[in-house]
Amino acid sequence: MDTFIKGPSKRDVAGMKAAFGTVSAGDVVSVLYKTARFGNFLISGQAHATVLDDLMVGGLNAAAAKKTAKGSDGEESAVRQPDKDVRAFPAEFDGSFEPQAVEAADLTHGDLVVASFSQEPYGDFLVTGVVTEAENDHSYLMVGPWILHTAQGNAPRLLEVQLVSTAGTHVAPVPTRRGLVEVAELDG
């Protein structure tokens, strides 16, 4: 699982465009993302179409609206441009792993987890990735862009979290602890 979360060394944009072109709202999909702030994480859940026909999964943009493109054989097909943070789609893990249920408060920065969430309008979805802590608040834990735990307790959207591997025992990339995000428009 940890090798899978590392993702491919190179994005297959053409393959992802074609694969996303076949997805409709309500289809269950798995998308591997890569960001500097949250590391690599996999979101699996129902595809959600925005009013502009962009494709989302678990609240994150996965691909742009459908367009028609001509293939090398002259045939037209639907394609969707993958979001810049999408590393692989479809992201299909064919191995096996046996995660263990844990309390979110017991997790630490760098643990590899699978967490289930529920949030309308995205429904129920899974996020698999490494836990990140805030620099100045070790109780503020996230997996991908989703909150697991804060000083007030578990996030209200969190259904369950399972530990795949503890920090330092897997090869998945671990981002630095999350610092404050500075927004120039809000300064001064």
C-alpha atoms as a PDB file:
ATOM      1  CA  MET A   1       0.000   0.000   0.000  1.00  0.00           C
ATOM      2  CA  ASP A   2       2.766   2.460   0.872  1.00  0.00           C
ATOM      3  CA  THR A   3       4.464   1.917  -2.510  1.00  0.00           C
ATOM      4  CA  PHE A   4       1.129   2.469  -4.229  1.00  0.00           C
ATOM      5  CA  ILE A   5       0.630   5.799  -2.401  1.00  0.00           C
ATOM      6  CA  LYS A   6       3.995   6.964  -3.777  1.00  0.00           C
ATOM      7  CA  GLY A   7       2.323   6.981  -7.202  1.00  0.00           C
ATOM      8  CA  PRO A   8       3.851   6.702 -10.659  1.00  0.00           C
ATOM      9  CA  SER A   9       7.101   8.519 -11.415  1.00  0.00           C
ATOM     10  CA  LYS A  10       5.431  10.236 -14.375  1.00  0.00           C
ATOM     11  CA  ARG A  11       1.807  11.326 -14.902  1.00  0.00           C
ATOM     12  CA  ASP A  12      -0.032   9.721 -17.822  1.00  0.00           C
ATOM     13  CA  VAL A  13      -2.072  12.795 -18.767  1.00  0.00           C
ATOM     14  CA  ALA A  14      -3.402  11.366 -22.038  1.00  0.00           C
ATOM     15  CA  GLY A  15      -4.505   8.162 -20.325  1.00  0.00           C
ATOM     16  CA  MET A  16      -6.135  10.099 -17.475  1.00  0.00           C
ATOM     17  CA  LYS A  17      -7.968  12.399 -19.934  1.00  0.00           C
ATOM     18  CA  ALA A  18      -9.488   9.384 -21.666  1.00  0.00           C
ATOM     19  CA  ALA A  19     -10.300   7.566 -18.415  1.00  0.00           C
ATOM     20  CA  PHE A  20     -11.950  10.633 -16.860  1.00  0.00           C
ATOM     21  CA  GLY A  21     -13.944  11.074 -20.081  1.00  0.00           C
ATOM     22  CA  THR A  22     -15.813   7.850 -19.330  1.00  0.00           C
ATOM     23  CA  VAL A  23     -16.816   8.863 -15.779  1.00  0.00           C
ATOM     24  CA  SER A  24     -20.339  10.020 -14.968  1.00  0.00           C
ATOM     25  CA  ALA A  25     -21.713  11.540 -11.761  1.00  0.00           C
ATOM     26  CA  GLY A  26     -22.403   8.769  -9.260  1.00  0.00           C
ATOM     27  CA  ASP A  27     -19.679   6.418 -10.529  1.00  0.00           C
ATOM     28  CA  VAL A  28     -17.367   5.162  -7.780  1.00  0.00           C
ATOM     29  CA  VAL A  29     -13.804   6.246  -8.566  1.00  0.00           C
ATOM     30  CA  SER A  30     -10.366   6.289  -6.921  1.00  0.00           C
ATOM     31  CA  VAL A  31      -8.059   9.211  -7.615  1.00  0.00           C
ATOM     32  CA  LEU A  32      -4.454   9.561  -6.416  1.00  0.00           C
ATOM     33  CA  TYR A  33      -3.444  13.144  -5.584  1.00  0.00           C
ATOM     34  CA  LYS A  34      -0.038  14.650  -4.840  1.00  0.00           C
ATOM     35  CA  THR A  35       0.386  17.989  -3.057  1.00  0.00           C
ATOM     36  CA  ALA A  36       3.283  19.621  -1.236  1.00  0.00           C
ATOM     37  CA  ARG A  37       1.138  20.429   1.816  1.00  0.00           C
ATOM     38  CA  PHE A  38      -0.590  17.047   2.324  1.00  0.00           C
ATOM     39  CA  GLY A  39       1.670  14.613   0.472  1.00  0.00           C
ATOM     40  CA  ASN A  40       0.230  11.810  -1.646  1.00  0.00           C
ATOM     41  CA  PHE A  41      -3.266  10.597  -0.847  1.00  0.00           C
ATOM     42  CA  LEU A  42      -5.938   8.492  -2.484  1.00  0.00           C
ATOM     43  CA  ILE A  43      -9.615   9.466  -2.432  1.00  0.00           C
ATOM     44  CA  SER A  44     -12.194   6.796  -3.257  1.00  0.00           C
ATOM     45  CA  GLY A  45     -15.870   7.622  -3.513  1.00  0.00           C
ATOM     46  CA  GLN A  46     -18.700   8.646  -5.801  1.00  0.00           C
ATOM     47  CA  ALA A  47     -17.927  11.124  -8.558  1.00  0.00           C
ATOM     48  CA  HIS A  48     -19.787  14.408  -8.164  1.00  0.00           C
ATOM     49  CA  ALA A  49     -20.400  16.794 -11.079  1.00  0.00           C
ATOM     50  CA  THR A  50     -20.359  20.528 -10.367  1.00  0.00           C
ATOM     51  CA  VAL A  51     -22.700  22.987 -12.084  1.00  0.00           C
ATOM     52  CA  LEU A  52     -19.916  23.561 -14.624  1.00  0.00           C
ATOM     53  CA  ASP A  53     -19.583  19.773 -15.159  1.00  0.00           C
ATOM     54  CA  ASP A  54     -16.191  19.597 -13.454  1.00  0.00           C
ATOM     55  CA  LEU A  55     -15.697  16.232 -11.758  1.00  0.00           C
ATOM     56  CA  MET A  56     -15.077  16.022  -8.014  1.00  0.00           C
ATOM     57  CA  VAL A  57     -14.484  13.195  -5.548  1.00  0.00           C
ATOM     58  CA  GLY A  58     -14.469  13.708  -1.792  1.00  0.00           C
ATOM     59  CA  GLY A  59     -14.775  17.461  -2.233  1.00  0.00           C
ATOM     60  CA  LEU A  60     -11.681  17.794  -4.417  1.00  0.00           C
ATOM     61  CA  ASN A  61     -11.588  18.690  -8.084  1.00  0.00           C
ATOM     62  CA  ALA A  62     -10.467  15.678 -10.082  1.00  0.00           C
ATOM     63  CA  ALA A  63     -11.025  16.745 -13.700  1.00  0.00           C
ATOM     64  CA  ALA A  64     -12.482  19.532 -15.823  1.00  0.00           C
ATOM     65  CA  ALA A  65     -15.727  19.437 -17.791  1.00  0.00           C
ATOM     66  CA  LYS A  66     -16.082  16.957 -20.660  1.00  0.00           C
ATOM     67  CA  LYS A  67     -14.865  17.987 -24.085  1.00  0.00           C
ATOM     68  CA  THR A  68     -14.883  16.158 -27.374  1.00  0.00           C
ATOM     69  CA  ALA A  69     -11.537  15.177 -28.859  1.00  0.00           C
ATOM     70  CA  LYS A  70     -10.480  13.283 -31.964  1.00  0.00           C
ATOM     71  CA  GLY A  71      -8.256  10.278 -31.499  1.00  0.00           C
ATOM     72  CA  SER A  72      -5.443   9.198 -33.813  1.00  0.00           C
ATOM     73  CA  ASP A  73      -7.972   7.009 -35.634  1.00  0.00           C
ATOM     74  CA  GLY A  74     -10.227  10.025 -36.311  1.00  0.00           C
ATOM     75  CA  GLU A  75     -12.899   8.816 -33.869  1.00  0.00           C
ATOM     76  CA  GLU A  76     -14.374  11.372 -31.484  1.00  0.00           C
ATOM     77  CA  SER A  77     -14.414  10.642 -27.773  1.00  0.00           C
ATOM     78  CA  ALA A  78     -15.132  12.476 -24.528  1.00  0.00           C
ATOM     79  CA  VAL A  79     -12.133  13.588 -22.472  1.00  0.00           C
ATOM     80  CA  ARG A  80     -11.626  15.510 -19.229  1.00  0.00           C
ATOM     81  CA  GLN A  81      -8.422  17.362 -18.324  1.00  0.00           C
ATOM     82  CA  PRO A  82      -7.137  16.017 -14.959  1.00  0.00           C
ATOM     83  CA  ASP A  83      -6.543  18.524 -12.183  1.00  0.00           C
ATOM     84  CA  LYS A  84      -2.901  19.531 -11.707  1.00  0.00           C
ATOM     85  CA  ASP A  85      -2.736  17.684  -8.349  1.00  0.00           C
ATOM     86  CA  VAL A  86      -4.036  14.395  -9.766  1.00  0.00           C
ATOM     87  CA  ARG A  87      -1.164  11.924  -9.956  1.00  0.00           C
ATOM     88  CA  ALA A  88      -2.982   8.837 -11.251  1.00  0.00           C
ATOM     89  CA  PHE A  89      -6.429   7.840 -12.490  1.00  0.00           C
ATOM     90  CA  PRO A  90      -7.744   5.278 -12.398  1.00  0.00           C
ATOM     91  CA  ALA A  91      -5.841   4.541  -9.212  1.00  0.00           C
ATOM     92  CA  GLU A  92      -6.412   0.842  -8.669  1.00  0.00           C
ATOM     93  CA  PHE A  93      -4.607  -0.914  -5.834  1.00  0.00           C
ATOM     94  CA  ASP A  94      -4.405  -4.642  -6.501  1.00  0.00           C
ATOM     95  CA  GLY A  95      -2.532  -5.769  -3.396  1.00  0.00           C
ATOM     96  CA  SER A  96      -3.835  -6.417   0.090  1.00  0.00           C
ATOM     97  CA  PHE A  97      -3.278  -4.847   3.471  1.00  0.00           C
ATOM     98  CA  GLU A  98      -4.869  -5.241   6.876  1.00  0.00           C
ATOM     99  CA  PRO A  99      -5.387  -1.907   8.604  1.00  0.00           C
ATOM    100  CA  GLN A 100      -6.282  -1.838  12.299  1.00  0.00           C
ATOM    101  CA  ALA A 101      -8.974   0.445  13.760  1.00  0.00           C
ATOM    102  CA  VAL A 102      -7.442   3.174  15.955  1.00  0.00           C
ATOM    103  CA  GLU A 103      -8.502   6.309  17.765  1.00  0.00           C
ATOM    104  CA  ALA A 104      -7.675   9.428  15.760  1.00  0.00           C
ATOM    105  CA  ALA A 105      -6.148  11.030  18.873  1.00  0.00           C
ATOM    106  CA  ASP A 106      -3.529   8.247  19.000  1.00  0.00           C
ATOM    107  CA  LEU A 107      -2.131   9.015  15.528  1.00  0.00           C
ATOM    108  CA  THR A 108       1.084  10.923  14.878  1.00  0.00           C
ATOM    109  CA  HIS A 109       2.651  12.775  11.982  1.00  0.00           C
ATOM    110  CA  GLY A 110       3.655  10.329   9.252  1.00  0.00           C
ATOM    111  CA  ASP A 111       1.345   7.428  10.141  1.00  0.00           C
ATOM    112  CA  LEU A 112      -0.220   5.843   7.045  1.00  0.00           C
ATOM    113  CA  VAL A 113      -4.002   5.568   7.469  1.00  0.00           C
ATOM    114  CA  VAL A 114      -7.308   4.872   5.769  1.00  0.00           C
ATOM    115  CA  ALA A 115     -10.080   7.173   6.988  1.00  0.00           C
ATOM    116  CA  SER A 116     -13.755   7.175   6.075  1.00  0.00           C
ATOM    117  CA  PHE A 117     -15.742  10.404   5.941  1.00  0.00           C
ATOM    118  CA  SER A 118     -19.281  11.476   5.163  1.00  0.00           C
ATOM    119  CA  GLN A 119     -20.035  14.926   3.764  1.00  0.00           C
ATOM    120  CA  GLU A 120     -22.903  16.146   1.614  1.00  0.00           C
ATOM    121  CA  PRO A 121     -23.049  16.458  -1.328  1.00  0.00           C
ATOM    122  CA  TYR A 122     -20.097  14.071  -1.754  1.00  0.00           C
ATOM    123  CA  GLY A 123     -21.531  11.194   0.272  1.00  0.00           C
ATOM    124  CA  ASP A 124     -19.295   8.634   1.972  1.00  0.00           C
ATOM    125  CA  PHE A 125     -15.681   8.366   0.810  1.00  0.00           C
ATOM    126  CA  LEU A 126     -12.281   7.053   1.889  1.00  0.00           C
ATOM    127  CA  VAL A 127      -9.011   8.949   2.128  1.00  0.00           C
ATOM    128  CA  THR A 128      -5.801   6.919   2.281  1.00  0.00           C
ATOM    129  CA  GLY A 129      -2.560   8.761   3.023  1.00  0.00           C
ATOM    130  CA  VAL A 130      -0.122   9.928   5.663  1.00  0.00           C
ATOM    131  CA  VAL A 131      -1.246  11.856   8.706  1.00  0.00           C
ATOM    132  CA  THR A 132       0.022  15.425   8.932  1.00  0.00           C
ATOM    133  CA  GLU A 133       0.206  17.481  12.119  1.00  0.00           C
ATOM    134  CA  ALA A 134       0.083  21.235  12.436  1.00  0.00           C
ATOM    135  CA  GLU A 135       3.456  22.738  13.417  1.00  0.00           C
ATOM    136  CA  ASN A 136       2.195  24.286  16.646  1.00  0.00           C
ATOM    137  CA  ASP A 137      -0.711  21.961  17.455  1.00  0.00           C
ATOM    138  CA  HIS A 138       0.079  18.237  17.555  1.00  0.00           C
ATOM    139  CA  SER A 139      -3.590  17.392  18.155  1.00  0.00           C
ATOM    140  CA  TYR A 140      -4.613  18.990  14.818  1.00  0.00           C
ATOM    141  CA  LEU A 141      -4.330  15.948  12.536  1.00  0.00           C
ATOM    142  CA  MET A 142      -5.280  15.631   8.884  1.00  0.00           C
ATOM    143  CA  VAL A 143      -5.135  13.070   6.081  1.00  0.00           C
ATOM    144  CA  GLY A 144      -5.062  14.786   2.730  1.00  0.00           C
ATOM    145  CA  PRO A 145      -7.150  17.959   3.091  1.00  0.00           C
ATOM    146  CA  TRP A 146      -9.561  16.306   5.554  1.00  0.00           C
ATOM    147  CA  ILE A 147      -9.427  16.891   9.324  1.00  0.00           C
ATOM    148  CA  LEU A 148      -9.159  13.793  11.484  1.00  0.00           C
ATOM    149  CA  HIS A 149      -8.803  15.321  14.934  1.00  0.00           C
ATOM    150  CA  THR A 150      -8.398  18.659  16.739  1.00  0.00           C
ATOM    151  CA  ALA A 151      -8.063  19.653  20.382  1.00  0.00           C
ATOM    152  CA  GLN A 152     -11.887  19.519  20.517  1.00  0.00           C
ATOM    153  CA  GLY A 153     -11.948  15.837  19.448  1.00  0.00           C
ATOM    154  CA  ASN A 154     -12.638  13.910  16.250  1.00  0.00           C
ATOM    155  CA  ALA A 155     -13.801  15.841  13.210  1.00  0.00           C
ATOM    156  CA  PRO A 156     -17.597  15.658  12.854  1.00  0.00           C
ATOM    157  CA  ARG A 157     -17.335  14.227   9.312  1.00  0.00           C
ATOM    158  CA  LEU A 158     -14.932  11.436  10.320  1.00  0.00           C
ATOM    159  CA  LEU A 159     -16.623   8.029  10.508  1.00  0.00           C
ATOM    160  CA  GLU A 160     -13.623   5.777  11.220  1.00  0.00           C
ATOM    161  CA  VAL A 161      -9.847   5.728  10.928  1.00  0.00           C
ATOM    162  CA  GLN A 162      -7.612   2.688  10.505  1.00  0.00           C
ATOM    163  CA  LEU A 163      -3.838   2.485  10.816  1.00  0.00           C
ATOM    164  CA  VAL A 164      -2.031   0.857   7.893  1.00  0.00           C
ATOM    165  CA  SER A 165       1.528   1.516   9.052  1.00  0.00           C
ATOM    166  CA  THR A 166       3.191   3.675  11.701  1.00  0.00           C
ATOM    167  CA  ALA A 167       5.500   6.567  10.862  1.00  0.00           C
ATOM    168  CA  GLY A 168       8.960   5.391   9.842  1.00  0.00           C
ATOM    169  CA  THR A 169       7.835   1.871   8.855  1.00  0.00           C
ATOM    170  CA  HIS A 170       6.589   2.631   5.332  1.00  0.00           C
ATOM    171  CA  VAL A 171       8.018   4.207   2.168  1.00  0.00           C
ATOM    172  CA  ALA A 172       5.169   6.641   1.448  1.00  0.00           C
ATOM    173  CA  PRO A 173       6.455  10.226   1.244  1.00  0.00           C
ATOM    174  CA  VAL A 174       5.805  12.229   4.430  1.00  0.00           C
ATOM    175  CA  PRO A 175       5.368  16.001   3.990  1.00  0.00           C
ATOM    176  CA  THR A 176       6.610  18.479   6.588  1.00  0.00           C
ATOM    177  CA  ARG A 177       4.305  19.509   9.407  1.00  0.00           C
ATOM    178  CA  ARG A 178       1.680  21.982   8.247  1.00  0.00           C
ATOM    179  CA  GLY A 179       2.408  25.621   8.969  1.00  0.00           C
ATOM    180  CA  LEU A 180       0.032  28.542   8.816  1.00  0.00           C
ATOM    181  CA  VAL A 181      -1.167  29.500   5.367  1.00  0.00           C
ATOM    182  CA  GLU A 182      -0.490  33.173   4.700  1.00  0.00           C
ATOM    183  CA  VAL A 183      -2.898  35.035   2.440  1.00  0.00           C
ATOM    184  CA  ALA A 184      -1.530  38.326   1.120  1.00  0.00           C
ATOM    185  CA  GLU A 185      -5.023  39.812   0.619  1.00  0.00           C
ATOM    186  CA  LEU A 186      -5.743  39.458   4.350  1.00  0.00           C
ATOM    187  CA  ASP A 187      -2.546  41.161   5.528  1.00  0.00           C
ATOM    188  CA  GLY A 188      -2.636  44.801   6.579  1.00  0.00           C
END
